[in-house]
């Protein structure tokens, strides 16, 4: 009442994916690459017929690119607003600092006047 070895072998062979085809599914065989340590080098790049991810007919659609552009523009706008806010805060703190330094000078003058013996 079980699966015989012959049936199991046939089923396993049928279900097993072709790892060569799946691992290099998006890259034609003419575009082989080699890896040396942490660097990759493409061999026979001039003969490669594969498409770039940004060429016509690829998985990256115009809608995805428009969304990325929109997202990045939003980030730029937020950074500009943050920069403006920080510049305003810097001006305010600089004004406070100048006012404090002016008060210090006033106190130093007052101290000199108090310590100067009267004639």
C-alpha atoms as a PDB file:
ATOM      1  CA  UNK A   1       0.000   0.000   0.000  1.00  0.00           C
ATOM      2  CA  UNK A   2       2.742   2.466  -0.640  1.00  0.00           C
ATOM      3  CA  UNK A   3       4.572   4.020  -3.486  1.00  0.00           C
ATOM      4  CA  UNK A   4       7.118   1.755  -5.070  1.00  0.00           C
ATOM      5  CA  UNK A   5      10.652   2.923  -5.637  1.00  0.00           C
ATOM      6  CA  UNK A   6      10.008   3.115  -9.362  1.00  0.00           C
ATOM      7  CA  UNK A   7       6.941   5.348  -8.883  1.00  0.00           C
ATOM      8  CA  UNK A   8       8.775   7.526  -6.360  1.00  0.00           C
ATOM      9  CA  UNK A   9      11.745   7.981  -8.663  1.00  0.00           C
ATOM     10  CA  UNK A  10       9.504   8.966 -11.576  1.00  0.00           C
ATOM     11  CA  UNK A  11       7.548  11.399  -9.432  1.00  0.00           C
ATOM     12  CA  UNK A  12      10.716  12.938  -7.997  1.00  0.00           C
ATOM     13  CA  UNK A  13      12.220  13.406 -11.437  1.00  0.00           C
ATOM     14  CA  UNK A  14       9.020  15.047 -12.710  1.00  0.00           C
ATOM     15  CA  UNK A  15       8.681  17.397  -9.717  1.00  0.00           C
ATOM     16  CA  UNK A  16      12.338  18.376  -9.549  1.00  0.00           C
ATOM     17  CA  UNK A  17      12.805  21.821 -11.116  1.00  0.00           C
ATOM     18  CA  UNK A  18      15.558  22.262 -13.595  1.00  0.00           C
ATOM     19  CA  UNK A  19      17.901  24.269 -11.398  1.00  0.00           C
ATOM     20  CA  UNK A  20      20.007  25.485 -14.308  1.00  0.00           C
ATOM     21  CA  UNK A  21      17.007  27.010 -16.055  1.00  0.00           C
ATOM     22  CA  UNK A  22      15.587  28.567 -12.883  1.00  0.00           C
ATOM     23  CA  UNK A  23      18.805  29.979 -11.493  1.00  0.00           C
ATOM     24  CA  UNK A  24      19.603  31.802 -14.725  1.00  0.00           C
ATOM     25  CA  UNK A  25      16.069  32.386 -15.881  1.00  0.00           C
ATOM     26  CA  UNK A  26      16.496  36.089 -16.736  1.00  0.00           C
ATOM     27  CA  UNK A  27      19.968  35.835 -18.223  1.00  0.00           C
ATOM     28  CA  UNK A  28      20.618  34.207 -21.592  1.00  0.00           C
ATOM     29  CA  UNK A  29      23.364  31.618 -21.763  1.00  0.00           C
ATOM     30  CA  UNK A  30      25.554  33.939 -23.832  1.00  0.00           C
ATOM     31  CA  UNK A  31      25.958  36.234 -20.819  1.00  0.00           C
ATOM     32  CA  UNK A  32      28.065  34.143 -18.510  1.00  0.00           C
ATOM     33  CA  UNK A  33      29.760  35.738 -15.540  1.00  0.00           C
ATOM     34  CA  UNK A  34      32.635  34.801 -13.318  1.00  0.00           C
ATOM     35  CA  UNK A  35      33.263  35.708  -9.710  1.00  0.00           C
ATOM     36  CA  UNK A  36      36.666  36.360  -8.183  1.00  0.00           C
ATOM     37  CA  UNK A  37      36.433  36.930  -4.454  1.00  0.00           C
ATOM     38  CA  UNK A  38      34.105  39.865  -3.939  1.00  0.00           C
ATOM     39  CA  UNK A  39      34.184  41.083  -7.546  1.00  0.00           C
ATOM     40  CA  UNK A  40      32.086  39.875 -10.441  1.00  0.00           C
ATOM     41  CA  UNK A  41      33.193  40.079 -14.000  1.00  0.00           C
ATOM     42  CA  UNK A  42      30.967  39.509 -16.986  1.00  0.00           C
ATOM     43  CA  UNK A  43      32.527  37.436 -19.716  1.00  0.00           C
ATOM     44  CA  UNK A  44      31.553  38.041 -23.350  1.00  0.00           C
ATOM     45  CA  UNK A  45      29.506  41.126 -22.532  1.00  0.00           C
ATOM     46  CA  UNK A  46      29.651  42.352 -26.122  1.00  0.00           C
ATOM     47  CA  UNK A  47      27.860  39.190 -27.279  1.00  0.00           C
ATOM     48  CA  UNK A  48      25.152  39.385 -24.648  1.00  0.00           C
ATOM     49  CA  UNK A  49      21.642  39.590 -26.036  1.00  0.00           C
ATOM     50  CA  UNK A  50      20.018  40.122 -22.640  1.00  0.00           C
ATOM     51  CA  UNK A  51      18.086  43.284 -21.938  1.00  0.00           C
ATOM     52  CA  UNK A  52      18.797  45.837 -19.269  1.00  0.00           C
ATOM     53  CA  UNK A  53      16.196  46.119 -16.516  1.00  0.00           C
ATOM     54  CA  UNK A  54      15.319  49.536 -17.939  1.00  0.00           C
ATOM     55  CA  UNK A  55      14.943  48.576 -21.590  1.00  0.00           C
ATOM     56  CA  UNK A  56      11.576  48.317 -23.310  1.00  0.00           C
ATOM     57  CA  UNK A  57       9.541  45.251 -22.469  1.00  0.00           C
ATOM     58  CA  UNK A  58      11.119  44.455 -19.127  1.00  0.00           C
ATOM     59  CA  UNK A  59       9.478  43.880 -15.773  1.00  0.00           C
ATOM     60  CA  UNK A  60      10.056  47.478 -14.651  1.00  0.00           C
ATOM     61  CA  UNK A  61       7.027  49.379 -15.837  1.00  0.00           C
ATOM     62  CA  UNK A  62       6.597  53.093 -16.387  1.00  0.00           C
ATOM     63  CA  UNK A  63       4.159  53.167 -13.489  1.00  0.00           C
ATOM     64  CA  UNK A  64       6.780  51.831 -11.124  1.00  0.00           C
ATOM     65  CA  UNK A  65       9.294  54.399 -12.320  1.00  0.00           C
ATOM     66  CA  UNK A  66       6.748  57.216 -11.990  1.00  0.00           C
ATOM     67  CA  UNK A  67       6.035  56.078  -8.426  1.00  0.00           C
ATOM     68  CA  UNK A  68       9.753  56.018  -7.600  1.00  0.00           C
ATOM     69  CA  UNK A  69      10.179  59.507  -9.059  1.00  0.00           C
ATOM     70  CA  UNK A  70       7.179  60.729  -7.049  1.00  0.00           C
ATOM     71  CA  UNK A  71       8.555  59.169  -3.852  1.00  0.00           C
ATOM     72  CA  UNK A  72      11.988  60.700  -4.341  1.00  0.00           C
ATOM     73  CA  UNK A  73      10.516  64.121  -5.124  1.00  0.00           C
ATOM     74  CA  UNK A  74       8.544  63.857  -1.889  1.00  0.00           C
ATOM     75  CA  UNK A  75      11.736  63.069   0.000  1.00  0.00           C
ATOM     76  CA  UNK A  76      13.472  66.061  -1.602  1.00  0.00           C
ATOM     77  CA  UNK A  77      10.579  68.340  -0.597  1.00  0.00           C
ATOM     78  CA  UNK A  78      10.669  67.045   2.995  1.00  0.00           C
ATOM     79  CA  UNK A  79      14.433  67.572   3.202  1.00  0.00           C
ATOM     80  CA  UNK A  80      14.095  71.126   1.848  1.00  0.00           C
ATOM     81  CA  UNK A  81      11.421  71.881   4.456  1.00  0.00           C
ATOM     82  CA  UNK A  82      13.610  70.407   7.179  1.00  0.00           C
ATOM     83  CA  UNK A  83      16.572  72.466   5.972  1.00  0.00           C
ATOM     84  CA  UNK A  84      14.460  75.643   6.005  1.00  0.00           C
ATOM     85  CA  UNK A  85      13.242  74.874   9.534  1.00  0.00           C
ATOM     86  CA  UNK A  86      16.791  74.206  10.715  1.00  0.00           C
ATOM     87  CA  UNK A  87      18.046  77.437   9.101  1.00  0.00           C
ATOM     88  CA  UNK A  88      15.318  79.398  10.904  1.00  0.00           C
ATOM     89  CA  UNK A  89      16.219  77.692  14.172  1.00  0.00           C
ATOM     90  CA  UNK A  90      19.903  78.464  13.574  1.00  0.00           C
ATOM     91  CA  UNK A  91      19.079  82.156  13.048  1.00  0.00           C
ATOM     92  CA  UNK A  92      16.988  82.214  16.228  1.00  0.00           C
ATOM     93  CA  UNK A  93      19.717  80.535  18.272  1.00  0.00           C
ATOM     94  CA  UNK A  94      22.348  82.872  16.789  1.00  0.00           C
ATOM     95  CA  UNK A  95      20.234  85.882  17.818  1.00  0.00           C
ATOM     96  CA  UNK A  96      19.836  84.442  21.329  1.00  0.00           C
ATOM     97  CA  UNK A  97      23.589  83.857  21.513  1.00  0.00           C
ATOM     98  CA  UNK A  98      24.360  87.426  20.435  1.00  0.00           C
ATOM     99  CA  UNK A  99      21.916  88.777  23.033  1.00  0.00           C
ATOM    100  CA  UNK A 100      23.576  86.692  25.762  1.00  0.00           C
ATOM    101  CA  UNK A 101      27.047  87.866  24.727  1.00  0.00           C
ATOM    102  CA  UNK A 102      25.829  91.492  24.798  1.00  0.00           C
ATOM    103  CA  UNK A 103      24.500  90.976  28.329  1.00  0.00           C
ATOM    104  CA  UNK A 104      27.879  89.516  29.357  1.00  0.00           C
ATOM    105  CA  UNK A 105      29.633  92.643  28.018  1.00  0.00           C
ATOM    106  CA  UNK A 106      27.187  94.861  29.915  1.00  0.00           C
ATOM    107  CA  UNK A 107      27.844  92.942  33.147  1.00  0.00           C
ATOM    108  CA  UNK A 108      31.611  93.162  32.599  1.00  0.00           C
ATOM    109  CA  UNK A 109      31.375  96.937  32.143  1.00  0.00           C
ATOM    110  CA  UNK A 110      29.230  97.179  35.271  1.00  0.00           C
ATOM    111  CA  UNK A 111      31.741  95.059  37.202  1.00  0.00           C
ATOM    112  CA  UNK A 112      34.591  97.337  36.113  1.00  0.00           C
ATOM    113  CA  UNK A 113      32.612 100.410  37.189  1.00  0.00           C
ATOM    114  CA  UNK A 114      31.844  98.877  40.593  1.00  0.00           C
ATOM    115  CA  UNK A 115      35.450  97.846  41.222  1.00  0.00           C
ATOM    116  CA  UNK A 116      36.939 101.135  40.124  1.00  0.00           C
ATOM    117  CA  UNK A 117      37.745 103.259  43.175  1.00  0.00           C
ATOM    118  CA  UNK A 118      36.041 106.588  43.181  1.00  0.00           C
ATOM    119  CA  UNK A 119      38.281 109.590  42.998  1.00  0.00           C
END
